[in-house]
C-alpha atoms as a PDB file:
ATOM      1  CA  UNK A   1       0.000   0.000   0.000  1.00  0.00           C
ATOM      2  CA  UNK A   2       2.891   2.383   0.705  1.00  0.00           C
ATOM      3  CA  UNK A   3       4.014   2.332  -2.931  1.00  0.00           C
ATOM      4  CA  UNK A   4       0.589   3.608  -3.980  1.00  0.00           C
ATOM      5  CA  UNK A   5       1.089   6.616  -1.702  1.00  0.00           C
ATOM      6  CA  UNK A   6       4.499   7.539  -3.064  1.00  0.00           C
ATOM      7  CA  UNK A   7       3.534  10.069  -5.751  1.00  0.00           C
ATOM      8  CA  UNK A   8       1.278  12.202  -3.586  1.00  0.00           C
ATOM      9  CA  UNK A   9       0.742  15.212  -5.868  1.00  0.00           C
ATOM     10  CA  UNK A  10      -2.110  13.421  -7.597  1.00  0.00           C
ATOM     11  CA  UNK A  11      -4.781  10.854  -6.833  1.00  0.00           C
ATOM     12  CA  UNK A  12      -6.700  10.146  -3.676  1.00  0.00           C
ATOM     13  CA  UNK A  13      -3.661  10.783  -1.417  1.00  0.00           C
ATOM     14  CA  UNK A  14      -2.806  14.207  -2.884  1.00  0.00           C
ATOM     15  CA  UNK A  15      -4.023  16.141   0.165  1.00  0.00           C
ATOM     16  CA  UNK A  16      -2.910  13.658   2.832  1.00  0.00           C
ATOM     17  CA  UNK A  17       0.343  13.671   4.825  1.00  0.00           C
ATOM     18  CA  UNK A  18       2.240  10.524   5.843  1.00  0.00           C
ATOM     19  CA  UNK A  19       5.148   9.781   8.138  1.00  0.00           C
ATOM     20  CA  UNK A  20       8.168   7.781   6.881  1.00  0.00           C
ATOM     21  CA  UNK A  21       6.507   4.514   7.904  1.00  0.00           C
ATOM     22  CA  UNK A  22       3.443   5.298   5.759  1.00  0.00           C
ATOM     23  CA  UNK A  23       1.031   6.192   8.547  1.00  0.00           C
ATOM     24  CA  UNK A  24      -1.469   9.007   7.950  1.00  0.00           C
ATOM     25  CA  UNK A  25      -0.602  12.084  10.030  1.00  0.00           C
ATOM     26  CA  UNK A  26      -1.971  15.590  10.445  1.00  0.00           C
ATOM     27  CA  UNK A  27      -0.582  18.594   8.618  1.00  0.00           C
ATOM     28  CA  UNK A  28       0.730  19.930  11.953  1.00  0.00           C
ATOM     29  CA  UNK A  29       2.681  16.756  12.734  1.00  0.00           C
ATOM     30  CA  UNK A  30       4.105  16.759   9.218  1.00  0.00           C
ATOM     31  CA  UNK A  31       5.144  20.433   9.486  1.00  0.00           C
ATOM     32  CA  UNK A  32       6.896  19.776  12.830  1.00  0.00           C
ATOM     33  CA  UNK A  33       8.895  16.818  11.493  1.00  0.00           C
ATOM     34  CA  UNK A  34       9.464  17.538   7.814  1.00  0.00           C
ATOM     35  CA  UNK A  35      12.948  18.985   8.423  1.00  0.00           C
ATOM     36  CA  UNK A  36      14.116  15.766  10.094  1.00  0.00           C
ATOM     37  CA  UNK A  37      12.447  13.510   7.506  1.00  0.00           C
ATOM     38  CA  UNK A  38      13.459  15.179   4.252  1.00  0.00           C
ATOM     39  CA  UNK A  39      16.888  16.301   3.014  1.00  0.00           C
ATOM     40  CA  UNK A  40      17.889  19.808   4.055  1.00  0.00           C
ATOM     41  CA  UNK A  41      19.647  22.363   1.873  1.00  0.00           C
ATOM     42  CA  UNK A  42      22.862  21.399   3.693  1.00  0.00           C
ATOM     43  CA  UNK A  43      22.287  17.729   2.822  1.00  0.00           C
ATOM     44  CA  UNK A  44      21.745  18.625  -0.836  1.00  0.00           C
ATOM     45  CA  UNK A  45      24.875  20.807  -0.872  1.00  0.00           C
ATOM     46  CA  UNK A  46      26.920  17.967   0.622  1.00  0.00           C
ATOM     47  CA  UNK A  47      25.711  15.480  -1.983  1.00  0.00           C
ATOM     48  CA  UNK A  48      26.398  18.009  -4.740  1.00  0.00           C
ATOM     49  CA  UNK A  49      29.954  18.466  -3.393  1.00  0.00           C
ATOM     50  CA  UNK A  50      30.531  14.723  -3.878  1.00  0.00           C
ATOM     51  CA  UNK A  51      29.454  14.794  -7.523  1.00  0.00           C
ATOM     52  CA  UNK A  52      32.796  15.501  -9.174  1.00  0.00           C
ATOM     53  CA  UNK A  53      33.045  14.304 -12.769  1.00  0.00           C
ATOM     54  CA  UNK A  54      35.877  11.955 -13.715  1.00  0.00           C
ATOM     55  CA  UNK A  55      36.928  11.842 -17.360  1.00  0.00           C
ATOM     56  CA  UNK A  56      40.099   9.763 -17.096  1.00  0.00           C
ATOM     57  CA  UNK A  57      39.794   6.292 -18.633  1.00  0.00           C
ATOM     58  CA  UNK A  58      39.997   3.611 -15.963  1.00  0.00           C
ATOM     59  CA  UNK A  59      38.982   5.978 -13.144  1.00  0.00           C
ATOM     60  CA  UNK A  60      35.644   6.055 -11.310  1.00  0.00           C
ATOM     61  CA  UNK A  61      33.984   8.940  -9.503  1.00  0.00           C
ATOM     62  CA  UNK A  62      34.260   8.591  -5.729  1.00  0.00           C
ATOM     63  CA  UNK A  63      30.507   8.272  -5.297  1.00  0.00           C
ATOM     64  CA  UNK A  64      30.256   5.224  -7.579  1.00  0.00           C
ATOM     65  CA  UNK A  65      31.146   1.626  -6.892  1.00  0.00           C
ATOM     66  CA  UNK A  66      33.427  -0.140  -9.363  1.00  0.00           C
ATOM     67  CA  UNK A  67      31.627  -2.479 -11.741  1.00  0.00           C
ATOM     68  CA  UNK A  68      31.438  -6.154 -10.832  1.00  0.00           C
ATOM     69  CA  UNK A  69      32.134  -7.111 -14.432  1.00  0.00           C
ATOM     70  CA  UNK A  70      34.800  -5.090 -16.192  1.00  0.00           C
ATOM     71  CA  UNK A  71      34.428  -6.305 -19.753  1.00  0.00           C
ATOM     72  CA  UNK A  72      32.062  -5.048 -22.448  1.00  0.00           C
ATOM     73  CA  UNK A  73      32.609  -6.859 -25.720  1.00  0.00           C
ATOM     74  CA  UNK A  74      35.833  -8.234 -24.239  1.00  0.00           C
ATOM     75  CA  UNK A  75      37.319  -4.753 -23.729  1.00  0.00           C
ATOM     76  CA  UNK A  76      39.074  -3.918 -20.438  1.00  0.00           C
ATOM     77  CA  UNK A  77      37.588  -1.511 -17.887  1.00  0.00           C
ATOM     78  CA  UNK A  78      40.151   1.127 -18.897  1.00  0.00           C
ATOM     79  CA  UNK A  79      38.808   1.186 -22.488  1.00  0.00           C
ATOM     80  CA  UNK A  80      37.515   4.613 -23.540  1.00  0.00           C
ATOM     81  CA  UNK A  81      33.863   3.672 -24.098  1.00  0.00           C
ATOM     82  CA  UNK A  82      32.747   7.319 -24.191  1.00  0.00           C
ATOM     83  CA  UNK A  83      34.882  10.012 -25.734  1.00  0.00           C
ATOM     84  CA  UNK A  84      34.765  13.441 -24.128  1.00  0.00           C
ATOM     85  CA  UNK A  85      36.198  16.012 -26.496  1.00  0.00           C
END
């Protein structure tokens, strides 16, 4: 049932507030807790600071895990699959 409540800007749940566990709550309870439940501007800034592009073949951005399989069409991980000119 929680998945049906996820996109709350439309449908029968559009005007209803829920806590993180999916329980219906009042607008007042939501307003009191929204800052602790949703990302803050500081959280968003921190995540943005992690998003540094890496263009060097064979290197991975720090926020990504290395692939489990390193071969596409038998090519090594270091192969330049995408050219950035």
